[in-house]
Amino acid sequence: MGKLTGVTKSGFTYSIPEKNVRNYELVEALGELDTNPLALPRVMNLLLGKEGTEKLKNHVRDKDGIVDTEKITAELEDIFKAQERLKK
């Protein structure tokens, strides 16, 4: 099984095992995000894995050490949009 790779608009480079994208638990967590924004960390871990999640958090971390939720969300949206374009 391959990997989904790419770079977000802000320059975050990702490599996601295809099995992560096919994980039903990821679908459940994504569905939960609509009503529970606290599911975001679970989505990130299921999609990117622990190491990838830490890399993404460090990528958006500001000079004060804050990881902005809106920036994380924008990065995840970029990743999903890029993968949708590849499927077409």
Protein backbone atom coordinates (compact mmCIF):
# COMPACT_ATOMS: atom_id res chain seq x y z
CA MET A 1 0.00 0.00 0.00
CA GLY A 2 1.29 3.45 -0.88
CA LYS A 3 1.49 6.80 0.74
CA LEU A 4 -0.31 10.05 0.06
CA THR A 5 2.29 12.79 -0.09
CA GLY A 6 2.18 16.50 -0.67
CA VAL A 7 2.88 19.98 0.61
CA THR A 8 0.30 22.35 2.08
CA LYS A 9 0.04 26.02 1.08
CA SER A 10 2.11 27.00 4.13
CA GLY A 11 4.87 24.52 3.25
CA PHE A 12 4.08 21.57 5.53
CA THR A 13 5.30 18.37 3.87
CA TYR A 14 3.24 15.28 4.67
CA SER A 15 3.34 11.59 3.91
CA ILE A 16 0.26 9.65 4.99
CA PRO A 17 -0.06 5.87 4.66
CA GLU A 18 -3.11 5.10 2.50
CA LYS A 19 -4.36 2.72 5.19
CA ASN A 20 -4.81 5.72 7.52
CA VAL A 21 -7.16 7.38 5.03
CA ARG A 22 -9.17 4.16 4.68
CA ASN A 23 -9.55 3.76 8.45
CA TYR A 24 -13.22 3.76 9.41
CA GLU A 25 -12.36 5.28 12.78
CA LEU A 26 -11.04 8.33 10.91
CA VAL A 27 -14.41 8.64 9.16
CA GLU A 28 -16.16 8.43 12.53
CA ALA A 29 -13.89 11.10 14.00
CA LEU A 30 -14.40 13.38 11.00
CA GLY A 31 -18.17 13.04 11.40
CA GLU A 32 -17.85 13.87 15.07
CA LEU A 33 -15.95 17.10 14.29
CA ASP A 34 -19.17 18.78 13.11
CA THR A 35 -20.64 18.68 16.60
CA ASN A 36 -17.53 18.26 18.74
CA PRO A 37 -14.42 20.28 17.85
CA LEU A 38 -12.59 18.42 20.61
CA ALA A 39 -12.36 15.48 18.20
CA LEU A 40 -9.68 17.35 16.22
CA PRO A 41 -6.70 15.75 18.02
CA ARG A 42 -8.15 12.29 17.34
CA VAL A 43 -8.57 13.14 13.64
CA MET A 44 -4.98 14.34 13.46
CA ASN A 45 -3.60 11.24 15.16
CA LEU A 46 -5.64 8.86 13.01
CA LEU A 47 -4.65 10.65 9.81
CA LEU A 48 -1.05 11.68 10.43
CA GLY A 49 0.02 9.38 13.26
CA LYS A 50 1.66 10.66 16.42
CA GLU A 51 4.92 11.68 14.75
CA GLY A 52 3.17 13.46 11.88
CA THR A 53 0.85 15.23 14.31
CA GLU A 54 3.83 16.54 16.29
CA LYS A 55 5.50 17.73 13.08
CA LEU A 56 2.35 19.57 12.05
CA LYS A 57 1.97 21.16 15.47
CA ASN A 58 5.58 22.34 15.37
CA HIS A 59 5.04 23.66 11.83
CA VAL A 60 2.22 25.99 12.94
CA ARG A 61 3.61 26.82 16.40
CA ASP A 62 4.22 30.56 16.82
CA LYS A 63 7.17 32.28 18.50
CA ASP A 64 5.36 32.12 21.84
CA GLY A 65 4.92 28.35 21.55
CA ILE A 66 1.18 28.51 20.79
CA VAL A 67 -0.34 26.03 18.34
CA ASP A 68 -3.26 27.91 16.77
CA THR A 69 -6.34 25.73 16.24
CA GLU A 70 -7.36 27.67 13.13
CA LYS A 71 -3.95 27.12 11.55
CA ILE A 72 -4.08 23.39 12.30
CA THR A 73 -7.57 23.19 10.81
CA ALA A 74 -6.45 25.05 7.68
CA GLU A 75 -3.54 22.63 7.25
CA LEU A 76 -5.85 19.61 7.52
CA GLU A 77 -8.25 21.17 5.02
CA ASP A 78 -5.34 21.69 2.59
CA ILE A 79 -4.35 18.04 2.96
CA PHE A 80 -7.88 16.76 2.32
CA LYS A 81 -8.43 19.13 -0.63
CA ALA A 82 -5.13 18.12 -2.22
CA GLN A 83 -6.01 14.44 -1.94
CA GLU A 84 -9.45 15.06 -3.48
CA ARG A 85 -7.79 16.75 -6.48
CA LEU A 86 -5.50 13.73 -6.93
CA LYS A 87 -8.48 11.35 -7.03
CA LYS A 88 -10.11 13.21 -9.94
